[in-house]
Amino acid sequence: MIAPGPVPVPPLDADGVRASAGRLVYLMGASGSGKDTILRGVRASLSPADGVKIATRFITRAPSADEPSIELTTEAFARLRDQGAFALCWESHGLGYGIGTEIDGWLARGSTVIINGSRHHAGAAYVRYPDMLAVEIAVDSDVLRRRLTARARESAEAIAQRLARAVAPYDCPLGLRVVTLDNNGPAGRAVGALIDLARHAQGAQGARGA
């Protein structure tokens, strides 16, 4: 695996925070809540004129039909992490997840950037990107169970663990704006809502910097 190439990034300030002209939209939600489906719909609906980009994740498992990702071995993931190739990275369910530093270049050039994040890593992301907007996908427990079962990717025990994690509390940093996006209904409705949020986030950031 080749590490992501260097990109122009804004410098860190005295507190280790990236100054940016764009804004990060941090999508989060329980496994099976439909994040990948929503992001697939958003990708298909966006045009370059929207100024919105979606980051591709690095994951220590093979890509699936639901999510285009870049597969890494555990060793390659650790090497890239130690080289500083990830803007954000975390571990969940025994897997490593990373977001490349290319997002800093996109933000510096004024784009709104959507990433598929983790609720339990939101605090660390907020420290690095204090202007970020967090969007939490919410679904009912019965809906979540059906979706996890239908994708046939985990054992019954693993599904039970994911359901338990879905309702487990997580630390939400003081000051972080979190918007809840209902995804119990048709995916298209949530796709449209996330696009509207991303466009609004871009407009709000532009107005703030004016």
N, C-alpha and C. Protein backbone atom coordinates (compact mmCIF):
# COMPACT_ATOMS: atom_id res chain seq x y z
N MET A 1 0.84 -1.20 0.00
CA MET A 1 0.00 0.00 0.00
C MET A 1 0.87 1.24 0.00
N ILE A 2 0.56 2.18 -0.88
CA ILE A 2 1.32 3.41 -0.98
C ILE A 2 0.66 4.48 -0.12
N ALA A 3 1.46 5.16 0.65
CA ALA A 3 0.92 6.21 1.52
C ALA A 3 0.37 7.35 0.69
N PRO A 4 -0.65 8.05 1.20
CA PRO A 4 -1.19 9.19 0.47
C PRO A 4 -0.10 10.23 0.21
N GLY A 5 -0.14 10.84 -0.95
CA GLY A 5 0.85 11.84 -1.29
C GLY A 5 0.69 13.11 -0.48
N PRO A 6 1.72 13.94 -0.43
CA PRO A 6 1.63 15.18 0.35
C PRO A 6 0.63 16.14 -0.26
N VAL A 7 -0.09 16.84 0.58
CA VAL A 7 -1.04 17.84 0.13
C VAL A 7 -0.78 19.12 0.90
N PRO A 8 -1.11 20.27 0.32
CA PRO A 8 -0.94 21.52 1.07
C PRO A 8 -1.94 21.57 2.21
N VAL A 9 -1.46 21.77 3.41
CA VAL A 9 -2.34 21.80 4.57
C VAL A 9 -2.09 23.06 5.36
N PRO A 10 -3.12 23.57 6.03
CA PRO A 10 -2.92 24.75 6.86
C PRO A 10 -2.09 24.39 8.08
N PRO A 11 -1.34 25.33 8.61
CA PRO A 11 -0.49 25.02 9.76
C PRO A 11 -1.31 24.83 11.03
N LEU A 12 -0.68 24.16 12.01
CA LEU A 12 -1.27 24.04 13.33
C LEU A 12 -1.07 25.35 14.09
N ASP A 13 -2.08 25.74 14.87
CA ASP A 13 -1.88 26.91 15.70
C ASP A 13 -1.22 26.48 17.02
N ALA A 14 -1.12 27.40 17.96
CA ALA A 14 -0.42 27.11 19.21
C ALA A 14 -1.09 26.00 20.00
N ASP A 15 -2.38 25.76 19.76
CA ASP A 15 -3.10 24.71 20.48
C ASP A 15 -3.18 23.41 19.69
N GLY A 16 -2.47 23.34 18.57
CA GLY A 16 -2.48 22.11 17.77
C GLY A 16 -3.73 21.94 16.94
N VAL A 17 -4.41 23.04 16.63
CA VAL A 17 -5.66 23.00 15.87
C VAL A 17 -5.40 23.47 14.44
N ARG A 18 -6.05 22.81 13.45
CA ARG A 18 -5.91 23.19 12.06
C ARG A 18 -6.85 24.36 11.75
N ALA A 19 -6.28 25.46 11.26
CA ALA A 19 -7.12 26.54 10.75
C ALA A 19 -7.59 26.13 9.36
N SER A 20 -8.85 26.37 9.03
CA SER A 20 -9.36 25.95 7.73
C SER A 20 -10.39 26.94 7.21
N ALA A 21 -10.50 26.96 5.88
CA ALA A 21 -11.49 27.82 5.25
C ALA A 21 -12.79 27.07 5.02
N GLY A 22 -12.72 25.74 4.94
CA GLY A 22 -13.90 24.90 4.76
C GLY A 22 -14.42 24.40 6.10
N ARG A 23 -15.31 23.43 6.02
CA ARG A 23 -15.88 22.89 7.26
C ARG A 23 -16.04 21.38 7.17
N LEU A 24 -15.77 20.71 8.28
CA LEU A 24 -15.90 19.27 8.35
C LEU A 24 -17.30 18.89 8.82
N VAL A 25 -17.93 17.98 8.09
CA VAL A 25 -19.21 17.40 8.52
C VAL A 25 -18.91 15.97 8.94
N TYR A 26 -19.09 15.71 10.21
CA TYR A 26 -18.68 14.44 10.83
C TYR A 26 -19.91 13.55 10.98
N LEU A 27 -20.07 12.61 10.05
CA LEU A 27 -21.22 11.71 10.07
C LEU A 27 -20.93 10.56 11.02
N MET A 28 -21.87 10.27 11.90
CA MET A 28 -21.66 9.19 12.86
C MET A 28 -22.98 8.50 13.15
N GLY A 29 -22.87 7.28 13.65
CA GLY A 29 -24.06 6.49 13.94
C GLY A 29 -23.68 5.05 14.12
N ALA A 30 -24.56 4.28 14.71
CA ALA A 30 -24.29 2.87 14.97
C ALA A 30 -24.08 2.10 13.68
N SER A 31 -23.29 1.03 13.76
CA SER A 31 -23.12 0.15 12.62
C SER A 31 -24.48 -0.39 12.19
N GLY A 32 -24.81 -0.26 10.91
CA GLY A 32 -26.11 -0.68 10.43
C GLY A 32 -27.13 0.43 10.37
N SER A 33 -26.76 1.61 10.82
CA SER A 33 -27.71 2.73 10.81
C SER A 33 -27.93 3.30 9.41
N GLY A 34 -27.07 2.92 8.47
CA GLY A 34 -27.28 3.35 7.09
C GLY A 34 -26.33 4.42 6.60
N LYS A 35 -25.23 4.63 7.31
CA LYS A 35 -24.29 5.68 6.90
C LYS A 35 -23.76 5.45 5.48
N ASP A 36 -23.36 4.21 5.20
CA ASP A 36 -22.78 3.92 3.89
C ASP A 36 -23.80 4.13 2.77
N THR A 37 -25.03 3.70 3.00
CA THR A 37 -26.08 3.89 2.01
C THR A 37 -26.34 5.36 1.77
N ILE A 38 -26.39 6.13 2.83
CA ILE A 38 -26.62 7.57 2.71
C ILE A 38 -25.47 8.23 1.94
N LEU A 39 -24.24 7.88 2.28
CA LEU A 39 -23.09 8.48 1.61
C LEU A 39 -23.05 8.09 0.13
N ARG A 40 -23.46 6.87 -0.17
CA ARG A 40 -23.51 6.46 -1.58
C ARG A 40 -24.50 7.33 -2.34
N GLY A 41 -25.64 7.61 -1.73
CA GLY A 41 -26.63 8.48 -2.36
C GLY A 41 -26.14 9.91 -2.50
N VAL A 42 -25.42 10.39 -1.50
CA VAL A 42 -24.88 11.75 -1.56
C VAL A 42 -23.86 11.86 -2.69
N ARG A 43 -22.97 10.86 -2.79
CA ARG A 43 -21.96 10.88 -3.86
C ARG A 43 -22.62 10.96 -5.24
N ALA A 44 -23.70 10.21 -5.40
CA ALA A 44 -24.37 10.18 -6.70
C ALA A 44 -25.10 11.48 -7.00
N SER A 45 -25.39 12.26 -5.99
CA SER A 45 -26.21 13.47 -6.17
C SER A 45 -25.39 14.75 -6.27
N LEU A 46 -24.14 14.71 -5.81
CA LEU A 46 -23.33 15.92 -5.78
C LEU A 46 -22.74 16.25 -7.15
N SER A 47 -22.48 17.51 -7.37
CA SER A 47 -21.75 17.96 -8.56
C SER A 47 -20.56 18.79 -8.07
N PRO A 48 -19.53 18.97 -8.92
CA PRO A 48 -18.38 19.79 -8.50
C PRO A 48 -18.78 21.18 -8.01
N ALA A 49 -19.88 21.70 -8.55
CA ALA A 49 -20.30 23.05 -8.17
C ALA A 49 -20.75 23.12 -6.71
N ASP A 50 -21.08 21.97 -6.12
CA ASP A 50 -21.53 21.96 -4.72
C ASP A 50 -20.40 22.28 -3.75
N GLY A 51 -19.15 22.02 -4.15
CA GLY A 51 -18.03 22.28 -3.26
C GLY A 51 -18.00 21.37 -2.05
N VAL A 52 -18.57 20.17 -2.19
CA VAL A 52 -18.63 19.21 -1.09
C VAL A 52 -17.87 17.95 -1.49
N LYS A 53 -16.99 17.49 -0.62
CA LYS A 53 -16.22 16.28 -0.88
C LYS A 53 -16.50 15.24 0.20
N ILE A 54 -16.40 13.96 -0.16
CA ILE A 54 -16.58 12.87 0.79
C ILE A 54 -15.28 12.10 0.88
N ALA A 55 -14.74 11.97 2.07
CA ALA A 55 -13.47 11.29 2.26
C ALA A 55 -13.64 9.78 2.15
N THR A 56 -12.64 9.13 1.57
CA THR A 56 -12.60 7.67 1.52
C THR A 56 -11.82 7.17 2.74
N ARG A 57 -12.36 6.16 3.41
CA ARG A 57 -11.71 5.66 4.61
C ARG A 57 -10.69 4.57 4.28
N PHE A 58 -9.65 4.50 5.09
CA PHE A 58 -8.73 3.37 5.10
C PHE A 58 -9.20 2.43 6.21
N ILE A 59 -9.36 1.14 5.90
CA ILE A 59 -9.87 0.19 6.88
C ILE A 59 -9.06 -1.10 6.79
N THR A 60 -8.86 -1.74 7.93
CA THR A 60 -8.12 -3.01 7.95
C THR A 60 -9.04 -4.18 7.65
N ARG A 61 -9.82 -4.06 6.62
CA ARG A 61 -10.62 -5.15 6.06
C ARG A 61 -10.89 -4.82 4.60
N ALA A 62 -11.37 -5.82 3.87
CA ALA A 62 -11.62 -5.62 2.45
C ALA A 62 -12.81 -4.67 2.24
N PRO A 63 -12.79 -3.90 1.16
CA PRO A 63 -13.93 -3.03 0.85
C PRO A 63 -15.19 -3.87 0.63
N SER A 64 -16.33 -3.28 0.89
CA SER A 64 -17.60 -3.95 0.65
C SER A 64 -18.36 -3.24 -0.46
N ALA A 65 -19.44 -3.85 -0.90
CA ALA A 65 -20.27 -3.22 -1.93
C ALA A 65 -20.91 -1.95 -1.40
N ASP A 66 -21.07 -1.87 -0.07
CA ASP A 66 -21.73 -0.71 0.53
C ASP A 66 -20.81 0.50 0.62
N GLU A 67 -19.52 0.25 0.90
CA GLU A 67 -18.61 1.37 1.13
C GLU A 67 -17.32 1.21 0.34
N PRO A 68 -17.02 2.16 -0.55
CA PRO A 68 -15.72 2.15 -1.21
C PRO A 68 -14.65 2.58 -0.21
N SER A 69 -13.76 1.70 0.14
CA SER A 69 -12.71 2.02 1.10
C SER A 69 -11.38 1.48 0.58
N ILE A 70 -10.31 1.84 1.25
CA ILE A 70 -8.98 1.36 0.89
C ILE A 70 -8.53 0.36 1.96
N GLU A 71 -8.28 -0.86 1.52
CA GLU A 71 -7.92 -1.92 2.46
C GLU A 71 -6.45 -1.80 2.84
N LEU A 72 -6.19 -1.95 4.14
CA LEU A 72 -4.83 -1.97 4.66
C LEU A 72 -4.64 -3.19 5.55
N THR A 73 -3.44 -3.73 5.56
CA THR A 73 -3.12 -4.72 6.57
C THR A 73 -2.94 -3.99 7.90
N THR A 74 -2.97 -4.74 8.98
CA THR A 74 -2.77 -4.14 10.30
C THR A 74 -1.41 -3.45 10.37
N GLU A 75 -0.40 -4.08 9.76
CA GLU A 75 0.95 -3.53 9.79
C GLU A 75 1.02 -2.23 8.98
N ALA A 76 0.39 -2.22 7.80
CA ALA A 76 0.41 -1.01 6.96
C ALA A 76 -0.35 0.12 7.64
N PHE A 77 -1.45 -0.22 8.29
CA PHE A 77 -2.23 0.80 9.00
C PHE A 77 -1.38 1.45 10.09
N ALA A 78 -0.69 0.63 10.88
CA ALA A 78 0.15 1.16 11.95
C ALA A 78 1.28 2.01 11.39
N ARG A 79 1.85 1.59 10.27
CA ARG A 79 2.95 2.34 9.67
C ARG A 79 2.48 3.72 9.19
N LEU A 80 1.34 3.76 8.50
CA LEU A 80 0.82 5.03 8.02
C LEU A 80 0.41 5.94 9.18
N ARG A 81 -0.15 5.34 10.21
CA ARG A 81 -0.51 6.14 11.40
C ARG A 81 0.73 6.77 12.00
N ASP A 82 1.80 5.99 12.13
CA ASP A 82 3.03 6.50 12.74
C ASP A 82 3.71 7.53 11.85
N GLN A 83 3.47 7.45 10.54
CA GLN A 83 4.05 8.41 9.60
C GLN A 83 3.23 9.70 9.53
N GLY A 84 2.10 9.74 10.21
CA GLY A 84 1.26 10.93 10.19
C GLY A 84 0.42 11.07 8.94
N ALA A 85 0.12 9.92 8.27
CA ALA A 85 -0.66 9.96 7.03
C ALA A 85 -2.15 10.11 7.28
N PHE A 86 -2.59 9.96 8.53
CA PHE A 86 -4.00 10.06 8.85
C PHE A 86 -4.29 11.38 9.57
N ALA A 87 -5.32 12.07 9.10
CA ALA A 87 -5.80 13.24 9.85
C ALA A 87 -6.54 12.78 11.10
N LEU A 88 -7.29 11.68 10.97
CA LEU A 88 -8.02 11.07 12.08
C LEU A 88 -7.90 9.56 11.95
N CYS A 89 -7.80 8.86 13.05
CA CYS A 89 -7.82 7.40 13.01
C CYS A 89 -8.31 6.88 14.35
N TRP A 90 -8.89 5.68 14.31
CA TRP A 90 -9.42 5.07 15.51
C TRP A 90 -9.55 3.56 15.30
N GLU A 91 -9.86 2.86 16.37
CA GLU A 91 -10.11 1.43 16.30
C GLU A 91 -11.51 1.13 16.83
N SER A 92 -12.20 0.22 16.16
CA SER A 92 -13.55 -0.17 16.57
C SER A 92 -13.84 -1.57 16.07
N HIS A 93 -14.41 -2.40 16.94
CA HIS A 93 -14.77 -3.78 16.59
C HIS A 93 -13.57 -4.55 16.03
N GLY A 94 -12.40 -4.28 16.57
CA GLY A 94 -11.21 -4.99 16.16
C GLY A 94 -10.61 -4.54 14.84
N LEU A 95 -11.11 -3.45 14.27
CA LEU A 95 -10.62 -2.94 13.00
C LEU A 95 -10.03 -1.55 13.18
N GLY A 96 -9.07 -1.21 12.31
CA GLY A 96 -8.52 0.13 12.30
C GLY A 96 -9.16 0.95 11.20
N TYR A 97 -9.49 2.20 11.50
CA TYR A 97 -10.11 3.12 10.53
C TYR A 97 -9.26 4.39 10.46
N GLY A 98 -9.03 4.89 9.26
CA GLY A 98 -8.25 6.11 9.11
C GLY A 98 -8.83 7.01 8.03
N ILE A 99 -8.67 8.32 8.23
CA ILE A 99 -9.04 9.33 7.25
C ILE A 99 -7.76 10.06 6.86
N GLY A 100 -7.44 10.05 5.57
CA GLY A 100 -6.19 10.62 5.09
C GLY A 100 -6.08 12.12 5.26
N THR A 101 -4.84 12.60 5.30
CA THR A 101 -4.60 14.03 5.49
C THR A 101 -5.01 14.87 4.29
N GLU A 102 -5.44 14.22 3.20
CA GLU A 102 -5.91 15.02 2.06
C GLU A 102 -7.10 15.90 2.44
N ILE A 103 -7.83 15.53 3.50
CA ILE A 103 -8.98 16.35 3.88
C ILE A 103 -8.54 17.73 4.35
N ASP A 104 -7.33 17.83 4.92
CA ASP A 104 -6.84 19.14 5.35
C ASP A 104 -6.62 20.06 4.15
N GLY A 105 -6.13 19.47 3.05
CA GLY A 105 -5.97 20.26 1.84
C GLY A 105 -7.30 20.71 1.28
N TRP A 106 -8.30 19.82 1.30
CA TRP A 106 -9.63 20.18 0.81
C TRP A 106 -10.23 21.30 1.65
N LEU A 107 -10.10 21.17 2.97
CA LEU A 107 -10.64 22.19 3.86
C LEU A 107 -9.93 23.53 3.64
N ALA A 108 -8.63 23.47 3.44
CA ALA A 108 -7.86 24.70 3.23
C ALA A 108 -8.31 25.43 1.97
N ARG A 109 -8.80 24.65 0.99
CA ARG A 109 -9.25 25.25 -0.26
C ARG A 109 -10.73 25.62 -0.22
N GLY A 110 -11.36 25.49 0.94
CA GLY A 110 -12.73 25.99 1.11
C GLY A 110 -13.83 24.98 0.92
N SER A 111 -13.48 23.70 0.74
CA SER A 111 -14.52 22.67 0.55
C SER A 111 -15.17 22.29 1.87
N THR A 112 -16.42 21.86 1.80
CA THR A 112 -17.05 21.17 2.91
C THR A 112 -16.70 19.69 2.73
N VAL A 113 -16.24 19.06 3.79
CA VAL A 113 -15.77 17.67 3.71
C VAL A 113 -16.61 16.80 4.64
N ILE A 114 -17.22 15.77 4.07
CA ILE A 114 -17.99 14.81 4.87
C ILE A 114 -17.13 13.59 5.12
N ILE A 115 -17.04 13.17 6.37
CA ILE A 115 -16.34 11.93 6.68
C ILE A 115 -17.27 10.98 7.43
N ASN A 116 -17.01 9.70 7.25
CA ASN A 116 -17.73 8.65 7.96
C ASN A 116 -16.96 8.37 9.23
N GLY A 117 -17.43 8.92 10.33
CA GLY A 117 -16.67 8.87 11.58
C GLY A 117 -17.25 7.90 12.60
N SER A 118 -16.77 8.03 13.81
CA SER A 118 -17.19 7.18 14.94
C SER A 118 -17.65 8.08 16.08
N ARG A 119 -18.78 7.72 16.68
CA ARG A 119 -19.27 8.51 17.81
C ARG A 119 -18.24 8.57 18.94
N HIS A 120 -17.54 7.47 19.14
CA HIS A 120 -16.61 7.38 20.26
C HIS A 120 -15.28 8.06 19.97
N HIS A 121 -15.12 8.58 18.76
CA HIS A 121 -13.92 9.35 18.40
C HIS A 121 -14.26 10.81 18.16
N ALA A 122 -15.51 11.17 18.36
CA ALA A 122 -15.95 12.53 18.06
C ALA A 122 -15.18 13.57 18.86
N GLY A 123 -14.84 13.25 20.10
CA GLY A 123 -14.11 14.20 20.94
C GLY A 123 -12.76 14.56 20.36
N ALA A 124 -12.01 13.54 19.92
CA ALA A 124 -10.70 13.78 19.33
C ALA A 124 -10.82 14.56 18.03
N ALA A 125 -11.85 14.25 17.24
CA ALA A 125 -12.06 14.98 15.98
C ALA A 125 -12.39 16.45 16.26
N TYR A 126 -13.17 16.70 17.30
CA TYR A 126 -13.58 18.05 17.64
C TYR A 126 -12.38 18.90 18.09
N VAL A 127 -11.44 18.26 18.77
CA VAL A 127 -10.23 18.98 19.19
C VAL A 127 -9.46 19.46 17.97
N ARG A 128 -9.36 18.62 16.95
CA ARG A 128 -8.60 18.96 15.75
C ARG A 128 -9.39 19.90 14.83
N TYR A 129 -10.71 19.72 14.79
CA TYR A 129 -11.56 20.52 13.89
C TYR A 129 -12.68 21.15 14.71
N PRO A 130 -12.40 22.23 15.43
CA PRO A 130 -13.39 22.81 16.35
C PRO A 130 -14.61 23.42 15.68
N ASP A 131 -14.56 23.63 14.35
CA ASP A 131 -15.72 24.17 13.64
C ASP A 131 -16.59 23.07 13.05
N MET A 132 -16.27 21.81 13.32
CA MET A 132 -16.98 20.72 12.66
C MET A 132 -18.44 20.63 13.10
N LEU A 133 -19.25 20.13 12.19
CA LEU A 133 -20.65 19.84 12.47
C LEU A 133 -20.80 18.33 12.55
N ALA A 134 -21.31 17.83 13.66
CA ALA A 134 -21.54 16.40 13.81
C ALA A 134 -22.98 16.06 13.44
N VAL A 135 -23.15 15.03 12.62
CA VAL A 135 -24.47 14.58 12.20
C VAL A 135 -24.62 13.13 12.65
N GLU A 136 -25.55 12.88 13.56
CA GLU A 136 -25.75 11.53 14.07
C GLU A 136 -26.97 10.88 13.42
N ILE A 137 -26.75 9.72 12.79
CA ILE A 137 -27.83 8.96 12.16
C ILE A 137 -28.56 8.17 13.25
N ALA A 138 -29.86 8.32 13.31
CA ALA A 138 -30.66 7.65 14.33
C ALA A 138 -31.65 6.69 13.69
N VAL A 139 -31.69 5.46 14.19
CA VAL A 139 -32.68 4.47 13.75
C VAL A 139 -33.18 3.71 14.97
N ASP A 140 -34.39 3.19 14.88
CA ASP A 140 -34.94 2.40 15.97
C ASP A 140 -34.21 1.06 16.09
N SER A 141 -34.22 0.49 17.29
CA SER A 141 -33.49 -0.76 17.55
C SER A 141 -33.95 -1.90 16.65
N ASP A 142 -35.25 -2.00 16.42
CA ASP A 142 -35.77 -3.08 15.56
C ASP A 142 -35.28 -2.93 14.13
N VAL A 143 -35.27 -1.70 13.65
CA VAL A 143 -34.78 -1.43 12.29
C VAL A 143 -33.30 -1.77 12.20
N LEU A 144 -32.55 -1.38 13.22
CA LEU A 144 -31.12 -1.65 13.23
C LEU A 144 -30.84 -3.15 13.23
N ARG A 145 -31.59 -3.89 14.01
CA ARG A 145 -31.40 -5.35 14.05
C ARG A 145 -31.66 -5.97 12.68
N ARG A 146 -32.72 -5.55 12.03
CA ARG A 146 -33.05 -6.10 10.71
C ARG A 146 -31.95 -5.79 9.70
N ARG A 147 -31.42 -4.58 9.75
CA ARG A 147 -30.37 -4.21 8.79
C ARG A 147 -29.09 -4.99 9.04
N LEU A 148 -28.72 -5.15 10.28
CA LEU A 148 -27.50 -5.91 10.60
C LEU A 148 -27.65 -7.36 10.18
N THR A 149 -28.82 -7.92 10.40
CA THR A 149 -29.05 -9.32 10.03
C THR A 149 -29.05 -9.48 8.51
N ALA A 150 -29.66 -8.53 7.81
CA ALA A 150 -29.80 -8.63 6.36
C ALA A 150 -28.46 -8.55 5.65
N ARG A 151 -27.50 -7.82 6.18
CA ARG A 151 -26.23 -7.70 5.48
C ARG A 151 -25.34 -8.92 5.67
N ALA A 152 -25.70 -9.81 6.61
CA ALA A 152 -25.05 -11.12 6.76
C ALA A 152 -23.53 -11.01 6.85
N ARG A 153 -23.06 -10.03 7.59
CA ARG A 153 -21.62 -9.84 7.71
C ARG A 153 -21.08 -10.27 9.06
N GLU A 154 -21.97 -10.38 10.07
CA GLU A 154 -21.54 -10.74 11.41
C GLU A 154 -22.33 -11.92 11.95
N SER A 155 -21.77 -12.54 12.96
CA SER A 155 -22.46 -13.62 13.66
C SER A 155 -23.55 -13.02 14.55
N ALA A 156 -24.41 -13.90 15.07
CA ALA A 156 -25.47 -13.43 15.97
C ALA A 156 -24.86 -12.75 17.20
N GLU A 157 -23.75 -13.30 17.68
CA GLU A 157 -23.10 -12.70 18.84
C GLU A 157 -22.55 -11.31 18.51
N ALA A 158 -21.95 -11.17 17.34
CA ALA A 158 -21.40 -9.87 16.94
C ALA A 158 -22.53 -8.85 16.75
N ILE A 159 -23.66 -9.30 16.21
CA ILE A 159 -24.80 -8.39 16.04
C ILE A 159 -25.30 -7.91 17.40
N ALA A 160 -25.37 -8.83 18.36
CA ALA A 160 -25.80 -8.45 19.70
C ALA A 160 -24.86 -7.42 20.31
N GLN A 161 -23.55 -7.58 20.06
CA GLN A 161 -22.58 -6.62 20.58
C GLN A 161 -22.76 -5.25 19.92
N ARG A 162 -23.03 -5.25 18.63
CA ARG A 162 -23.23 -3.99 17.93
C ARG A 162 -24.51 -3.29 18.39
N LEU A 163 -25.55 -4.06 18.66
CA LEU A 163 -26.80 -3.47 19.15
C LEU A 163 -26.59 -2.85 20.53
N ALA A 164 -25.81 -3.53 21.36
CA ALA A 164 -25.53 -2.99 22.69
C ALA A 164 -24.71 -1.71 22.58
N ARG A 165 -23.75 -1.71 21.66
CA ARG A 165 -22.90 -0.52 21.49
C ARG A 165 -23.72 0.65 20.94
N ALA A 166 -24.76 0.32 20.16
CA ALA A 166 -25.56 1.37 19.54
C ALA A 166 -26.27 2.25 20.57
N VAL A 167 -26.62 1.66 21.71
CA VAL A 167 -27.34 2.42 22.73
C VAL A 167 -26.42 2.84 23.88
N ALA A 168 -25.14 2.47 23.78
CA ALA A 168 -24.20 2.85 24.84
C ALA A 168 -23.92 4.34 24.77
N PRO A 169 -23.82 5.01 25.90
CA PRO A 169 -23.53 6.45 25.88
C PRO A 169 -22.12 6.71 25.39
N TYR A 170 -21.90 7.89 24.86
CA TYR A 170 -20.56 8.29 24.45
C TYR A 170 -20.35 9.73 24.90
N ASP A 171 -19.09 10.10 25.02
CA ASP A 171 -18.76 11.45 25.48
C ASP A 171 -18.94 12.44 24.34
N CYS A 172 -19.85 13.37 24.53
CA CYS A 172 -20.08 14.42 23.53
C CYS A 172 -19.44 15.70 24.06
N PRO A 173 -18.42 16.21 23.38
CA PRO A 173 -17.72 17.39 23.89
C PRO A 173 -18.64 18.59 24.05
N LEU A 174 -18.41 19.34 25.09
CA LEU A 174 -19.16 20.57 25.32
C LEU A 174 -18.90 21.54 24.18
N GLY A 175 -19.96 22.07 23.59
CA GLY A 175 -19.83 23.02 22.51
C GLY A 175 -19.96 22.42 21.12
N LEU A 176 -19.87 21.08 21.02
CA LEU A 176 -20.01 20.44 19.71
C LEU A 176 -21.46 20.45 19.28
N ARG A 177 -21.73 20.96 18.09
CA ARG A 177 -23.09 20.96 17.57
C ARG A 177 -23.37 19.60 16.94
N VAL A 178 -24.42 18.93 17.41
CA VAL A 178 -24.81 17.62 16.88
C VAL A 178 -26.23 17.72 16.33
N VAL A 179 -26.38 17.37 15.07
CA VAL A 179 -27.69 17.34 14.42
C VAL A 179 -28.10 15.87 14.26
N THR A 180 -29.30 15.53 14.69
CA THR A 180 -29.80 14.16 14.56
C THR A 180 -30.55 14.01 13.25
N LEU A 181 -30.20 12.97 12.50
CA LEU A 181 -30.81 12.72 11.20
C LEU A 181 -31.53 11.38 11.25
N ASP A 182 -32.86 11.40 11.19
CA ASP A 182 -33.65 10.18 11.26
C ASP A 182 -33.50 9.38 9.97
N ASN A 183 -33.21 8.08 10.12
CA ASN A 183 -33.06 7.22 8.94
C ASN A 183 -33.90 5.96 9.08
N ASN A 184 -35.07 6.07 9.68
CA ASN A 184 -35.98 4.94 9.76
C ASN A 184 -36.76 4.75 8.46
N GLY A 185 -36.87 5.81 7.69
CA GLY A 185 -37.66 5.76 6.46
C GLY A 185 -36.81 5.52 5.23
N PRO A 186 -37.30 5.93 4.07
CA PRO A 186 -36.56 5.75 2.82
C PRO A 186 -35.20 6.45 2.86
N ALA A 187 -34.17 5.78 2.32
CA ALA A 187 -32.82 6.33 2.36
C ALA A 187 -32.74 7.67 1.64
N GLY A 188 -33.55 7.84 0.58
CA GLY A 188 -33.49 9.08 -0.18
C GLY A 188 -33.80 10.31 0.65
N ARG A 189 -34.66 10.13 1.63
CA ARG A 189 -35.01 11.27 2.48
C ARG A 189 -33.80 11.72 3.31
N ALA A 190 -33.08 10.75 3.87
CA ALA A 190 -31.89 11.07 4.66
C ALA A 190 -30.78 11.62 3.77
N VAL A 191 -30.67 11.11 2.54
CA VAL A 191 -29.66 11.61 1.60
C VAL A 191 -29.90 13.10 1.33
N GLY A 192 -31.13 13.46 1.04
CA GLY A 192 -31.45 14.86 0.78
C GLY A 192 -31.19 15.75 1.98
N ALA A 193 -31.49 15.23 3.17
CA ALA A 193 -31.27 16.02 4.38
C ALA A 193 -29.79 16.26 4.63
N LEU A 194 -28.95 15.22 4.37
CA LEU A 194 -27.51 15.39 4.59
C LEU A 194 -26.92 16.36 3.57
N ILE A 195 -27.38 16.30 2.33
CA ILE A 195 -26.90 17.25 1.32
C ILE A 195 -27.25 18.67 1.72
N ASP A 196 -28.47 18.87 2.21
CA ASP A 196 -28.88 20.21 2.64
C ASP A 196 -28.00 20.70 3.79
N LEU A 197 -27.69 19.79 4.74
CA LEU A 197 -26.84 20.16 5.87
C LEU A 197 -25.44 20.53 5.40
N ALA A 198 -24.90 19.75 4.45
CA ALA A 198 -23.55 20.02 3.95
C ALA A 198 -23.51 21.37 3.22
N ARG A 199 -24.52 21.65 2.43
CA ARG A 199 -24.56 22.93 1.71
C ARG A 199 -24.71 24.10 2.68
N HIS A 200 -25.52 23.90 3.70
CA HIS A 200 -25.71 24.95 4.70
C HIS A 200 -24.42 25.17 5.49
N ALA A 201 -23.72 24.06 5.80
CA ALA A 201 -22.47 24.18 6.54
C ALA A 201 -21.45 24.99 5.75
N GLN A 202 -21.43 24.78 4.44
CA GLN A 202 -20.50 25.52 3.60
C GLN A 202 -20.87 27.00 3.58
N GLY A 203 -22.17 27.28 3.45
CA GLY A 203 -22.60 28.66 3.44
C GLY A 203 -22.34 29.38 4.76
N ALA A 204 -22.57 28.65 5.86
CA ALA A 204 -22.35 29.23 7.19
C ALA A 204 -20.88 29.52 7.41
N GLN A 205 -20.02 28.61 6.93
CA GLN A 205 -18.58 28.82 7.10
C GLN A 205 -18.11 30.01 6.26
N GLY A 206 -18.68 30.13 5.04
CA GLY A 206 -18.30 31.25 4.19
C GLY A 206 -18.70 32.57 4.80
N ALA A 207 -19.90 32.61 5.39
CA ALA A 207 -20.38 33.83 6.02
C ALA A 207 -19.52 34.19 7.22
N ARG A 208 -19.06 33.15 7.98
CA ARG A 208 -18.25 33.39 9.16
C ARG A 208 -16.91 33.99 8.78
N GLY A 209 -16.39 33.54 7.61
CA GLY A 209 -15.07 34.04 7.21
C GLY A 209 -15.12 35.35 6.44
N ALA A 210 -16.33 35.82 6.13
CA ALA A 210 -16.45 37.05 5.33
C ALA A 210 -16.09 38.27 6.14
